[in-house]
Amino acid sequence: MQDSELVSIALPVRDAADRLEAVVRSALAQDHPHIELVVSDNASTDGTEELCRDLAAGDPRIVYHRHPQNVGLLGNFTHAARISRGAFVRWIGDDDRLEPSCVSRAMAAFAADERLVLVTNQVSYTGPGGQVHTSPYTGTGLDSDDPVERFGEMLRLLNESPYVIDPLYGLLRRGPATGIPRRNMLREDEVFAAKLALAGPWAHVPEVLSHRNWRQERITGLARRLDVPSWQSHLANTLQCRELLGWVREADLDEEQRRRARAAVLRMYARRQRRTIVHRGRKLLAMARVV
């Protein structure tokens, strides 16, 4: 087997014994013949370790690693990719499901276009009440050779429906998956998506090939899960903007491209700030009515 054919499915877990087997079956059922499943266990306190060791003993495609101490959500997420061996990496959540052709359809897109750094697919999202959402992506900007056009398109999508495209759960070339620096912060997933857009062109498979569970979460609760200071929840837009502008400054862009990229960040920031102000105004109005 050639390393260039190996696809690593990276599965970060913590206390997931009650749902892990279905995810593992889904990953190993891919019709692409060269798969490894890398399970990174973030110091689970339930039966996850025992289950994973049993599963790994029964299938040589499973690689299991356990952290002795909690390394954080993002730390475990990135570690699962770093210890993988594949030329291509795809993350999967501990309650996700892949269609059998998910990896092979993405690999076909890579084979057809050597420029690509990422291939996404349409995703279906199941909410807490069992309702299913999915939205097709019909844009073209993400496959452009112009990095700022891709960047601007990704920032536009971040202000639209969260169901349209999910770059963190696409298939990536190993370099971008493991080489782009990441910072533990609120909306880090959106920052990483924008960095990926600058890294190279993407392709998109307009077919539901993966399934995720979705729940709305207050930003303060997310801050606790990420173990970031609670004050960040009040400045999330500003911190995200600052991080994006810092990356634009470091990216391999000429001055005209840098100017366009900064303008795209500021447009996104202005739109989000307006939305935040409107939301807070409605909350204050509702409180005033109660009083």
Protein backbone atom coordinates (compact mmCIF):
# COMPACT_ATOMS: atom_id res chain seq x y z
CA MET A 1 0.00 0.00 0.00
CA GLN A 2 1.30 3.46 -0.95
CA ASP A 3 1.20 6.19 1.70
CA SER A 4 -0.46 8.45 -0.88
CA GLU A 5 -3.47 6.10 -0.86
CA LEU A 6 -3.91 5.99 2.91
CA VAL A 7 -6.74 8.05 4.39
CA SER A 8 -6.70 8.64 8.13
CA ILE A 9 -10.04 9.17 9.85
CA ALA A 10 -9.26 11.03 13.07
CA LEU A 11 -11.70 10.44 15.92
CA PRO A 12 -11.18 12.56 19.07
CA VAL A 13 -13.23 11.21 21.98
CA ARG A 14 -13.91 11.75 25.67
CA ASP A 15 -16.42 9.71 27.65
CA ALA A 16 -18.12 8.36 24.53
CA ALA A 17 -18.51 4.66 25.37
CA ASP A 18 -22.27 4.77 24.85
CA ARG A 19 -22.07 5.94 21.21
CA LEU A 20 -18.63 4.99 19.95
CA GLU A 21 -19.28 1.63 18.31
CA ALA A 22 -21.66 3.05 15.69
CA VAL A 23 -19.14 5.74 14.71
CA VAL A 24 -16.34 3.18 14.41
CA ARG A 25 -18.48 0.91 12.22
CA SER A 26 -19.32 3.85 9.98
CA ALA A 27 -15.67 4.83 9.54
CA LEU A 28 -14.48 1.29 8.84
CA ALA A 29 -17.29 0.63 6.35
CA GLN A 30 -15.78 3.01 3.77
CA ASP A 31 -15.45 1.53 0.29
CA HIS A 32 -12.05 3.20 -0.09
CA PRO A 33 -9.70 0.27 0.56
CA HIS A 34 -6.92 2.05 2.44
CA ILE A 35 -8.23 3.42 5.73
CA GLU A 36 -6.90 3.87 9.23
CA LEU A 37 -9.06 5.02 12.12
CA VAL A 38 -7.10 6.99 14.70
CA VAL A 39 -8.88 7.25 18.05
CA SER A 40 -7.48 9.87 20.43
CA ASP A 41 -8.98 9.39 23.88
CA ASN A 42 -8.86 12.51 26.03
CA ALA A 43 -8.50 10.84 29.44
CA SER A 44 -12.00 9.35 29.44
CA THR A 45 -13.47 8.42 32.80
CA ASP A 46 -16.12 5.96 31.56
CA GLY A 47 -15.67 2.70 29.65
CA THR A 48 -14.23 4.34 26.52
CA GLU A 49 -10.71 2.98 27.04
CA GLU A 50 -11.81 -0.64 27.47
CA LEU A 51 -14.13 -0.44 24.47
CA CYS A 52 -11.49 1.14 22.25
CA ARG A 53 -8.84 -1.42 23.19
CA ASP A 54 -11.26 -4.24 22.41
CA LEU A 55 -12.15 -2.70 19.06
CA ALA A 56 -8.49 -2.12 18.17
CA ALA A 57 -7.62 -5.72 19.06
CA GLY A 58 -10.25 -6.87 16.58
CA ASP A 59 -9.26 -4.68 13.62
CA PRO A 60 -5.69 -3.67 12.68
CA ARG A 61 -6.98 -0.53 10.96
CA ILE A 62 -7.77 1.00 14.35
CA VAL A 63 -5.03 2.96 16.12
CA TYR A 64 -5.83 3.86 19.73
CA HIS A 65 -4.05 6.48 21.83
CA ARG A 66 -5.03 7.58 25.33
CA HIS A 67 -3.99 10.82 27.00
CA PRO A 68 -3.30 10.28 30.71
CA GLN A 69 -4.62 13.80 31.42
CA ASN A 70 -7.23 16.03 29.80
CA VAL A 71 -5.51 18.04 27.03
CA GLY A 72 -8.58 20.06 26.10
CA LEU A 73 -11.05 19.77 23.27
CA LEU A 74 -8.88 21.44 20.62
CA GLY A 75 -5.71 19.74 21.85
CA ASN A 76 -7.27 16.32 21.44
CA PHE A 77 -8.76 17.25 18.07
CA THR A 78 -5.41 18.30 16.60
CA HIS A 79 -3.53 15.43 18.24
CA ALA A 80 -5.74 12.86 16.50
CA ALA A 81 -4.59 14.22 13.14
CA ARG A 82 -0.93 14.63 14.08
CA ILE A 83 -0.47 10.99 15.08
CA SER A 84 -2.14 9.71 11.90
CA ARG A 85 -0.12 8.35 8.98
CA GLY A 86 -2.30 9.10 5.97
CA ALA A 87 -1.56 11.54 3.18
CA PHE A 88 -5.18 12.61 3.66
CA VAL A 89 -6.99 13.27 6.95
CA ARG A 90 -10.66 13.53 7.83
CA TRP A 91 -11.98 14.29 11.30
CA ILE A 92 -15.16 12.65 12.53
CA GLY A 93 -17.20 13.47 15.64
CA ASP A 94 -17.97 10.79 18.20
CA ASP A 95 -21.65 10.75 17.22
CA ASP A 96 -21.29 11.28 13.45
CA ARG A 97 -21.93 8.86 10.61
CA LEU A 98 -20.38 8.57 7.14
CA GLU A 99 -21.92 7.09 4.04
CA PRO A 100 -19.75 4.23 2.67
CA SER A 101 -18.68 6.29 -0.36
CA CYS A 102 -17.79 9.43 1.61
CA VAL A 103 -14.02 9.00 1.41
CA SER A 104 -13.90 7.53 -2.10
CA ARG A 105 -15.95 10.37 -3.60
CA ALA A 106 -13.57 12.90 -2.04
CA MET A 107 -10.51 10.98 -3.22
CA ALA A 108 -11.90 10.99 -6.77
CA ALA A 109 -12.10 14.80 -6.59
CA PHE A 110 -8.47 14.99 -5.42
CA ALA A 111 -7.42 12.71 -8.26
CA ALA A 112 -9.17 14.97 -10.76
CA ASP A 113 -7.55 18.21 -9.52
CA GLU A 114 -4.09 18.27 -7.98
CA ARG A 115 -4.56 21.89 -6.82
CA LEU A 116 -7.02 20.92 -4.10
CA VAL A 117 -6.26 21.06 -0.39
CA LEU A 118 -9.75 20.10 0.78
CA VAL A 119 -12.86 18.33 -0.47
CA THR A 120 -16.13 18.92 1.36
CA ASN A 121 -19.53 17.30 0.90
CA GLN A 122 -23.10 18.14 1.74
CA VAL A 123 -23.94 17.24 5.33
CA SER A 124 -27.22 16.42 7.03
CA TYR A 125 -27.66 17.71 10.58
CA THR A 126 -30.05 16.18 13.09
CA GLY A 127 -31.28 18.49 15.84
CA PRO A 128 -32.20 17.56 19.42
CA GLY A 129 -35.83 16.98 18.46
CA GLY A 130 -34.93 14.69 15.57
CA GLN A 131 -35.48 17.30 12.86
CA VAL A 132 -33.01 17.01 9.95
CA HIS A 133 -31.50 20.02 8.18
CA THR A 134 -29.33 20.18 5.08
CA SER A 135 -28.51 22.97 2.65
CA PRO A 136 -26.75 22.66 -0.73
CA TYR A 137 -23.70 24.77 -1.55
CA THR A 138 -24.07 26.31 -5.00
CA GLY A 139 -21.18 28.80 -4.96
CA THR A 140 -17.97 28.65 -6.96
CA GLY A 141 -15.56 30.93 -5.11
CA LEU A 142 -13.89 28.20 -3.07
CA ASP A 143 -12.31 26.53 -6.10
CA SER A 144 -10.77 29.78 -7.37
CA ASP A 145 -7.02 30.17 -7.90
CA ASP A 146 -7.32 33.57 -6.21
CA PRO A 147 -6.75 33.05 -2.45
CA VAL A 148 -8.63 36.21 -1.50
CA GLU A 149 -11.68 35.19 -3.52
CA ARG A 150 -11.73 31.89 -1.62
CA PHE A 151 -11.17 33.71 1.66
CA GLY A 152 -13.97 36.18 1.01
CA GLU A 153 -16.35 33.38 0.04
CA MET A 154 -15.61 31.51 3.26
CA LEU A 155 -16.20 34.63 5.34
CA ARG A 156 -19.49 35.18 3.51
CA LEU A 157 -20.57 31.64 4.31
CA LEU A 158 -19.73 32.10 7.99
CA ASN A 159 -22.47 34.73 8.16
CA GLU A 160 -24.99 32.49 6.41
CA SER A 161 -26.61 29.19 7.37
CA PRO A 162 -24.31 26.87 9.35
CA TYR A 163 -25.71 23.98 7.32
CA VAL A 164 -24.25 25.00 3.94
CA ILE A 165 -20.64 23.82 4.19
CA ASP A 166 -18.46 22.32 6.93
CA PRO A 167 -14.74 22.45 6.07
CA LEU A 168 -13.62 20.99 9.40
CA TYR A 169 -15.32 17.73 8.51
CA GLY A 170 -14.15 17.41 4.92
CA LEU A 171 -11.17 15.45 3.60
CA LEU A 172 -7.92 17.40 3.79
CA ARG A 173 -4.43 16.94 2.50
CA ARG A 174 -2.17 16.19 5.40
CA GLY A 175 -0.16 19.43 5.16
CA PRO A 176 -3.04 21.85 5.80
CA ALA A 177 -4.67 19.48 8.31
CA THR A 178 -1.63 19.34 10.56
CA GLY A 179 0.50 22.34 9.57
CA ILE A 180 -1.80 25.32 10.01
CA PRO A 181 -1.40 26.74 13.54
CA ARG A 182 -4.51 26.83 15.68
CA ARG A 183 -5.32 28.79 18.82
CA ASN A 184 -7.76 27.70 21.52
CA MET A 185 -10.42 30.39 21.36
CA LEU A 186 -14.10 30.89 20.66
CA ARG A 187 -14.98 30.47 16.97
CA GLU A 188 -11.63 28.82 16.34
CA ASP A 189 -13.34 26.48 13.89
CA GLU A 190 -14.36 29.48 11.77
CA VAL A 191 -10.86 30.94 11.93
CA PHE A 192 -9.38 27.61 10.83
CA ALA A 193 -11.87 27.41 7.94
CA ALA A 194 -10.76 30.86 6.75
CA LYS A 195 -7.09 29.84 7.00
CA LEU A 196 -7.87 26.74 4.93
CA ALA A 197 -9.47 28.94 2.29
CA LEU A 198 -6.20 30.87 1.95
CA ALA A 199 -4.20 27.63 1.80
CA GLY A 200 -5.56 26.42 -1.54
CA PRO A 201 -8.62 25.62 -3.69
CA TRP A 202 -11.41 23.34 -2.49
CA ALA A 203 -13.86 21.06 -4.24
CA HIS A 204 -17.34 20.20 -3.03
CA VAL A 205 -19.35 17.02 -3.59
CA PRO A 206 -23.02 18.12 -3.77
CA GLU A 207 -24.38 14.99 -2.15
CA VAL A 208 -25.17 14.11 1.47
CA LEU A 209 -22.29 11.81 2.40
CA SER A 210 -22.03 12.51 6.13
CA HIS A 211 -24.42 12.98 9.02
CA ARG A 212 -23.87 15.03 12.17
CA ASN A 213 -25.86 15.74 15.30
CA TRP A 214 -26.47 19.42 15.91
CA ARG A 215 -27.46 21.39 18.94
CA GLN A 216 -27.49 25.12 19.59
CA GLU A 217 -25.20 26.09 22.45
CA ARG A 218 -24.88 29.39 24.24
CA ILE A 219 -21.51 31.00 23.73
CA THR A 220 -20.86 31.05 27.47
CA GLY A 221 -21.35 27.27 27.62
CA LEU A 222 -19.01 26.80 24.69
CA ALA A 223 -16.39 28.91 26.49
CA ARG A 224 -16.58 26.53 29.45
CA ARG A 225 -16.21 23.47 27.22
CA LEU A 226 -13.19 24.98 25.50
CA ASP A 227 -11.75 26.12 28.84
CA VAL A 228 -11.28 29.70 27.68
CA PRO A 229 -11.88 32.75 29.93
CA SER A 230 -15.54 33.67 30.19
CA TRP A 231 -14.83 37.30 29.23
CA GLN A 232 -14.04 36.10 25.70
CA SER A 233 -17.73 35.39 25.16
CA HIS A 234 -18.38 39.16 25.28
CA LEU A 235 -15.62 39.94 22.77
CA ALA A 236 -15.87 36.93 20.48
CA ASN A 237 -16.41 39.00 17.32
CA THR A 238 -13.49 41.31 18.06
CA LEU A 239 -11.11 38.48 18.97
CA GLN A 240 -12.05 36.56 15.84
CA CYS A 241 -11.47 39.63 13.69
CA ARG A 242 -8.08 40.25 15.30
CA GLU A 243 -7.02 36.63 14.75
CA LEU A 244 -8.06 36.74 11.09
CA LEU A 245 -6.26 40.03 10.47
CA GLY A 246 -3.12 38.61 12.08
CA TRP A 247 -3.24 35.60 9.77
CA VAL A 248 -3.77 37.83 6.72
CA ARG A 249 -0.66 39.74 7.74
CA GLU A 250 1.38 36.51 7.85
CA ALA A 251 -0.11 34.80 4.77
CA ASP A 252 1.72 34.56 1.47
CA LEU A 253 -0.14 37.43 -0.21
CA ASP A 254 0.93 40.48 -2.12
CA GLU A 255 -0.05 43.93 -0.88
CA GLU A 256 -3.10 44.25 -3.11
CA GLN A 257 -4.35 40.83 -2.00
CA ARG A 258 -3.68 41.72 1.63
CA ARG A 259 -5.75 44.87 1.26
CA ARG A 260 -8.67 42.95 -0.23
CA ALA A 261 -8.45 40.27 2.47
CA ARG A 262 -8.48 42.87 5.27
CA ALA A 263 -11.52 44.50 3.72
CA ALA A 264 -13.31 41.12 3.63
CA VAL A 265 -12.58 40.59 7.35
CA LEU A 266 -13.85 44.04 8.27
CA ARG A 267 -17.06 43.50 6.26
CA MET A 268 -17.72 40.27 8.14
CA TYR A 269 -16.94 41.95 11.47
CA ALA A 270 -19.26 44.90 10.77
CA ARG A 271 -22.10 42.58 9.83
CA ARG A 272 -21.64 40.48 12.97
CA GLN A 273 -21.43 43.52 15.21
CA ARG A 274 -24.68 44.86 13.77
CA ARG A 275 -26.33 41.52 14.39
CA THR A 276 -25.01 41.42 17.96
CA ILE A 277 -26.28 44.93 18.67
CA VAL A 278 -29.74 44.06 17.34
CA HIS A 279 -29.83 40.87 19.43
CA ARG A 280 -28.81 42.70 22.62
CA GLY A 281 -31.32 45.45 21.92
CA ARG A 282 -34.12 42.90 21.68
CA LYS A 283 -33.04 41.34 24.98
CA LEU A 284 -33.05 44.73 26.71
CA LEU A 285 -36.48 45.51 25.27
CA ALA A 286 -37.85 42.20 26.50
CA MET A 287 -36.41 42.85 29.99
CA ALA A 288 -37.94 46.32 30.04
CA ARG A 289 -41.36 44.90 29.19
CA VAL A 290 -41.10 42.44 32.08
CA VAL A 291 -40.21 45.23 34.49
